Amino acid sequence: MPPPLLLVALAVGSAFLGTLGGLGGAMFLVPVLILAGVDPLLAVPLGAASVVAGSVAAGPAQLRSGLVHHRLGVSIEVVAATGAIVGAVVGDAVSDRVLTFLLAGIAILAAAMSARSSGQFYGPDPLHTAEQPGEWPGTLGGSYRLAGEVVPYHARRVPAGLSLMSIAGVISGLSGVGGGFLKVPVMGEVMQVPVKVAAATSTFTVGVTSAVSLIVYLRQGRVDLVAAAAIVLGAVVGGIGGTTLASRLAPTTTRRVVALLLAAVAVLLVVRQ
């Protein structure tokens, strides 16, 4: 296991990048730990710990922005958390080699979906100009501010979206990556939720999915508590920094940078094997 200070540094960088795209820092942290020689079965729980910490750190800023949709987030987590339990239980029996290739495949898929996603299906509506941006209580709709104007939206194709969220939960439990890489594109492309709302809601909720997985990992004896403490510290710092920068960057720029980094991680994992 790398020394604690190095783990803190890796967690800071991973949480920072993961929060920018709403993916969760473990999407970067787990592959990097494996490349550093950490046993994949031990790296996966550390990834889950970083997602929980990063989500908690980013939460207050995301809530203040008015971008988090609570009702949508809860709906997603009901199915995602169930899938995460299944994935975590099965993951204990998966070989290191299979898990490494699984992570490489996930990184490639995440890169492709992040680069492709447009997340812009709605335009400003003058009828909502005086409205305070946020979710509309009791619905899966709301509004958010874009370029100084208020844009209303409403989630569509909800059953299809929730079905895919269960798959995201299984992948999260298997790999410890939080599932945000799939949740954001599904919300954007399938449910047609604006990318800023999707990313904020994902960042706010991925911690729940990973926390459920982490409980299973603890019972399996796969959690290094000292390493996990270092990861949590770094993830909190990185999550706060990533949230601050995300509010200032254009969504397209963020997606492209994240996609390139994920592709590089996937290549390194394959080369390692």
Protein backbone atom coordinates (compact mmCIF):
# COMPACT_ATOMS: atom_id res chain seq x y z
CA MET A 1 0.00 0.00 0.00
CA PRO A 2 1.39 3.50 -0.87
CA PRO A 3 2.31 5.80 2.06
CA PRO A 4 -0.54 7.88 3.57
CA LEU A 5 0.71 11.20 2.19
CA LEU A 6 0.75 9.81 -1.34
CA LEU A 7 -2.76 8.42 -0.85
CA VAL A 8 -3.95 11.86 0.28
CA ALA A 9 -2.44 13.46 -2.83
CA LEU A 10 -3.98 10.85 -5.15
CA ALA A 11 -7.38 11.30 -3.50
CA VAL A 12 -7.22 15.10 -3.84
CA GLY A 13 -6.52 14.90 -7.57
CA SER A 14 -9.05 12.14 -8.21
CA ALA A 15 -11.88 13.80 -6.28
CA PHE A 16 -11.14 17.11 -7.98
CA LEU A 17 -11.45 15.60 -11.46
CA GLY A 18 -14.37 13.37 -10.55
CA THR A 19 -16.39 16.23 -9.10
CA LEU A 20 -15.87 18.33 -12.24
CA GLY A 21 -17.73 15.76 -14.31
CA GLY A 22 -20.11 14.46 -11.65
CA LEU A 23 -18.47 11.03 -11.96
CA GLY A 24 -17.05 10.55 -8.48
CA GLY A 25 -13.31 10.57 -7.83
CA ALA A 26 -13.00 6.79 -7.71
CA MET A 27 -13.33 6.68 -11.50
CA PHE A 28 -9.72 7.90 -11.49
CA LEU A 29 -8.53 6.77 -8.06
CA VAL A 30 -9.16 3.02 -8.34
CA PRO A 31 -7.29 2.59 -11.67
CA VAL A 32 -4.41 4.74 -10.42
CA LEU A 33 -4.09 2.68 -7.24
CA ILE A 34 -4.04 -0.52 -9.31
CA LEU A 35 -1.35 0.97 -11.54
CA ALA A 36 0.60 1.76 -8.36
CA GLY A 37 0.52 -1.93 -7.42
CA VAL A 38 -2.40 -2.04 -4.98
CA ASP A 39 -4.43 -5.27 -5.01
CA PRO A 40 -7.66 -4.50 -6.93
CA LEU A 41 -9.76 -6.10 -4.17
CA LEU A 42 -8.28 -3.53 -1.74
CA ALA A 43 -8.34 -0.62 -4.21
CA VAL A 44 -12.08 -0.94 -4.85
CA PRO A 45 -13.14 -0.20 -1.23
CA LEU A 46 -10.77 2.79 -1.12
CA GLY A 47 -12.49 4.08 -4.24
CA ALA A 48 -15.87 3.75 -2.55
CA ALA A 49 -14.57 5.66 0.49
CA SER A 50 -13.35 8.48 -1.76
CA VAL A 51 -16.74 8.73 -3.49
CA VAL A 52 -18.56 9.01 -0.15
CA ALA A 53 -16.18 11.71 1.11
CA GLY A 54 -16.16 13.65 -2.16
CA SER A 55 -19.95 13.60 -2.33
CA VAL A 56 -20.28 14.91 1.23
CA ALA A 57 -17.70 17.63 0.57
CA ALA A 58 -19.36 18.80 -2.64
CA GLY A 59 -22.90 18.60 -1.28
CA PRO A 60 -23.28 22.03 0.39
CA ALA A 61 -22.08 23.96 -2.68
CA GLN A 62 -24.27 21.89 -4.99
CA LEU A 63 -27.30 22.57 -2.80
CA ARG A 64 -26.63 26.32 -2.72
CA SER A 65 -26.43 26.37 -6.51
CA GLY A 66 -30.03 25.13 -6.78
CA LEU A 67 -28.96 22.46 -9.27
CA VAL A 68 -29.57 19.34 -7.14
CA HIS A 69 -32.93 17.68 -7.77
CA HIS A 70 -33.73 15.78 -4.55
CA ARG A 71 -36.74 13.82 -5.78
CA LEU A 72 -34.87 12.64 -8.86
CA GLY A 73 -31.83 11.78 -6.75
CA VAL A 74 -33.85 9.68 -4.30
CA SER A 75 -35.61 7.87 -7.16
CA ILE A 76 -32.24 7.00 -8.68
CA GLU A 77 -30.67 5.86 -5.43
CA VAL A 78 -33.43 3.40 -4.56
CA VAL A 79 -32.54 1.25 -7.57
CA ALA A 80 -28.82 2.09 -7.69
CA ALA A 81 -28.21 1.17 -4.05
CA THR A 82 -29.93 -2.18 -4.55
CA GLY A 83 -27.71 -2.89 -7.51
CA ALA A 84 -24.63 -1.81 -5.54
CA ILE A 85 -25.29 -4.46 -2.89
CA VAL A 86 -25.46 -7.16 -5.57
CA GLY A 87 -22.26 -5.92 -7.21
CA ALA A 88 -20.32 -5.71 -3.94
CA VAL A 89 -21.26 -9.26 -2.94
CA VAL A 90 -20.34 -10.68 -6.34
CA GLY A 91 -17.16 -8.60 -6.60
CA ASP A 92 -15.43 -10.51 -3.79
CA ALA A 93 -15.24 -13.56 -6.06
CA VAL A 94 -13.91 -11.74 -9.15
CA SER A 95 -10.22 -12.23 -10.02
CA ASP A 96 -7.73 -9.35 -10.07
CA ARG A 97 -7.23 -9.67 -13.84
CA VAL A 98 -10.96 -9.62 -14.60
CA LEU A 99 -11.49 -6.65 -12.28
CA THR A 100 -8.65 -4.70 -13.94
CA PHE A 101 -10.06 -5.26 -17.42
CA LEU A 102 -13.52 -4.39 -16.12
CA LEU A 103 -12.21 -1.05 -14.85
CA ALA A 104 -10.49 -0.38 -18.18
CA GLY A 105 -13.74 -1.07 -20.01
CA ILE A 106 -15.67 1.16 -17.62
CA ALA A 107 -13.16 3.98 -18.15
CA ILE A 108 -13.50 3.72 -21.96
CA LEU A 109 -17.31 3.66 -21.72
CA ALA A 110 -17.28 6.63 -19.35
CA ALA A 111 -14.95 8.57 -21.66
CA ALA A 112 -17.17 7.91 -24.69
CA MET A 113 -20.37 8.87 -22.90
CA SER A 114 -18.82 11.94 -21.31
CA ALA A 115 -17.52 13.22 -24.65
CA ARG A 116 -20.77 12.49 -26.49
CA SER A 117 -23.25 13.87 -24.00
CA SER A 118 -24.83 17.17 -24.94
CA GLY A 119 -27.26 17.56 -22.06
CA GLN A 120 -28.93 20.60 -23.66
CA PHE A 121 -32.56 19.89 -24.55
CA TYR A 122 -34.25 23.04 -23.26
CA GLY A 123 -33.99 26.76 -23.82
CA PRO A 124 -34.74 29.82 -21.70
CA ASP A 125 -38.43 30.55 -21.12
CA PRO A 126 -39.50 34.18 -20.53
CA LEU A 127 -42.42 32.93 -18.42
CA HIS A 128 -39.91 31.71 -15.80
CA THR A 129 -37.64 34.77 -15.75
CA ALA A 130 -38.64 35.85 -12.24
CA GLU A 131 -38.53 32.29 -10.87
CA GLN A 132 -35.99 31.21 -8.26
CA PRO A 133 -34.10 28.31 -9.93
CA GLY A 134 -34.52 24.91 -8.30
CA GLU A 135 -36.67 21.78 -8.38
CA TRP A 136 -40.45 21.95 -8.53
CA PRO A 137 -41.74 20.14 -5.40
CA GLY A 138 -43.61 16.91 -6.06
CA THR A 139 -42.38 16.59 -9.65
CA LEU A 140 -39.29 15.45 -11.57
CA GLY A 141 -38.97 18.90 -13.11
CA GLY A 142 -37.50 22.24 -12.19
CA SER A 143 -35.45 25.12 -13.57
CA TYR A 144 -31.86 26.27 -13.52
CA ARG A 145 -29.92 29.36 -14.52
CA LEU A 146 -27.97 29.31 -17.80
CA ALA A 147 -26.10 32.37 -19.10
CA GLY A 148 -28.18 34.61 -16.86
CA GLU A 149 -31.52 33.19 -17.99
CA VAL A 150 -33.88 30.69 -16.35
CA VAL A 151 -34.33 27.37 -18.18
CA PRO A 152 -37.20 25.01 -17.17
CA TYR A 153 -36.84 21.23 -17.60
CA HIS A 154 -38.58 17.95 -16.79
CA ALA A 155 -37.20 14.39 -16.63
CA ARG A 156 -38.51 12.09 -19.38
CA ARG A 157 -38.45 8.33 -20.03
CA VAL A 158 -38.17 7.71 -16.29
CA PRO A 159 -38.72 3.88 -16.30
CA ALA A 160 -35.94 3.39 -18.89
CA GLY A 161 -33.63 5.70 -16.94
CA LEU A 162 -34.20 3.91 -13.63
CA SER A 163 -33.57 0.52 -15.25
CA LEU A 164 -30.16 1.73 -16.40
CA MET A 165 -29.49 3.19 -12.94
CA SER A 166 -29.74 -0.32 -11.48
CA ILE A 167 -26.95 -1.37 -13.84
CA ALA A 168 -24.91 1.62 -12.67
CA GLY A 169 -25.39 0.39 -9.11
CA VAL A 170 -24.13 -3.11 -9.93
CA ILE A 171 -21.06 -1.66 -11.66
CA SER A 172 -20.46 0.60 -8.67
CA GLY A 173 -20.54 -2.34 -6.26
CA LEU A 174 -18.19 -4.39 -8.44
CA SER A 175 -15.63 -1.66 -9.08
CA GLY A 176 -16.05 0.94 -6.33
CA VAL A 177 -16.32 3.78 -8.87
CA GLY A 178 -19.62 5.22 -7.65
CA GLY A 179 -21.56 4.82 -10.89
CA GLY A 180 -21.64 8.55 -11.63
CA PHE A 181 -19.99 7.98 -15.01
CA LEU A 182 -23.18 6.19 -16.11
CA LYS A 183 -25.71 8.15 -14.07
CA VAL A 184 -24.81 11.51 -15.62
CA PRO A 185 -25.14 10.39 -19.27
CA VAL A 186 -28.30 8.40 -18.51
CA MET A 187 -29.90 11.43 -16.88
CA GLY A 188 -28.71 13.60 -19.75
CA GLU A 189 -29.29 11.46 -22.83
CA VAL A 190 -32.10 9.12 -21.74
CA MET A 191 -34.03 11.21 -19.20
CA GLN A 192 -33.11 14.52 -20.90
CA VAL A 193 -32.08 16.27 -17.69
CA PRO A 194 -29.74 19.27 -18.33
CA VAL A 195 -26.10 18.31 -17.88
CA LYS A 196 -25.48 20.78 -15.05
CA VAL A 197 -28.44 19.42 -13.10
CA ALA A 198 -27.46 15.83 -13.89
CA ALA A 199 -23.85 16.35 -12.74
CA ALA A 200 -24.87 18.14 -9.53
CA THR A 201 -27.54 15.56 -8.66
CA SER A 202 -25.12 12.72 -9.40
CA THR A 203 -22.34 14.22 -7.28
CA PHE A 204 -24.79 14.75 -4.43
CA THR A 205 -26.12 11.17 -4.54
CA VAL A 206 -23.23 8.90 -5.61
CA GLY A 207 -22.05 8.84 -2.01
CA VAL A 208 -25.17 6.89 -1.04
CA THR A 209 -24.49 4.18 -3.63
CA SER A 210 -20.87 3.87 -2.51
CA ALA A 211 -21.74 3.92 1.20
CA VAL A 212 -23.97 0.88 0.70
CA SER A 213 -21.14 -0.92 -1.09
CA LEU A 214 -18.65 0.10 1.61
CA ILE A 215 -20.73 -1.63 4.29
CA VAL A 216 -20.46 -4.88 2.33
CA TYR A 217 -16.71 -4.41 1.83
CA LEU A 218 -16.25 -3.91 5.59
CA ARG A 219 -18.04 -7.17 6.31
CA GLN A 220 -15.79 -8.89 3.77
CA GLY A 221 -12.65 -7.57 5.54
CA ARG A 222 -11.44 -5.68 2.46
CA VAL A 223 -11.08 -2.19 3.98
CA ASP A 224 -7.64 -0.89 5.08
CA LEU A 225 -8.74 1.64 7.71
CA VAL A 226 -5.51 3.69 7.74
CA ALA A 227 -5.47 3.98 3.96
CA ALA A 228 -9.20 4.75 3.93
CA ALA A 229 -8.70 7.62 6.41
CA ALA A 230 -6.02 9.15 4.15
CA ILE A 231 -8.28 8.76 1.12
CA VAL A 232 -11.23 10.41 2.88
CA LEU A 233 -9.09 13.40 3.87
CA GLY A 234 -7.86 13.92 0.32
CA ALA A 235 -11.29 13.37 -1.22
CA VAL A 236 -12.88 16.06 0.95
CA VAL A 237 -10.28 18.63 -0.15
CA GLY A 238 -10.49 17.61 -3.80
CA GLY A 239 -14.29 17.55 -3.77
CA ILE A 240 -14.51 21.12 -2.49
CA GLY A 241 -11.98 22.33 -5.07
CA GLY A 242 -13.66 20.52 -7.94
CA THR A 243 -17.08 21.92 -7.07
CA THR A 244 -15.70 25.47 -6.98
CA LEU A 245 -14.09 25.16 -10.41
CA ALA A 246 -17.02 23.30 -11.99
CA SER A 247 -19.28 26.30 -11.46
CA ARG A 248 -16.92 28.43 -13.58
CA LEU A 249 -16.29 26.09 -16.51
CA ALA A 250 -18.43 25.44 -19.56
CA PRO A 251 -19.97 21.92 -19.48
CA THR A 252 -18.46 21.07 -22.89
CA THR A 253 -14.94 21.90 -21.72
CA THR A 254 -15.38 19.84 -18.57
CA ARG A 255 -16.68 16.78 -20.45
CA ARG A 256 -13.85 16.82 -22.99
CA VAL A 257 -11.10 17.08 -20.38
CA VAL A 258 -12.62 14.30 -18.29
CA ALA A 259 -13.08 12.09 -21.38
CA LEU A 260 -9.42 12.43 -22.42
CA LEU A 261 -8.16 11.58 -18.93
CA LEU A 262 -10.44 8.56 -18.66
CA ALA A 263 -9.25 7.24 -22.01
CA ALA A 264 -5.62 7.59 -20.87
CA VAL A 265 -6.40 5.68 -17.67
CA ALA A 266 -8.01 2.85 -19.64
CA VAL A 267 -5.00 2.51 -21.93
CA LEU A 268 -2.60 2.37 -18.97
CA LEU A 269 -4.67 -0.35 -17.29
CA VAL A 270 -4.66 -2.51 -20.43
CA VAL A 271 -0.92 -2.00 -20.94
CA ARG A 272 -0.29 -3.00 -17.32
CA GLN A 273 -2.02 -6.35 -17.93
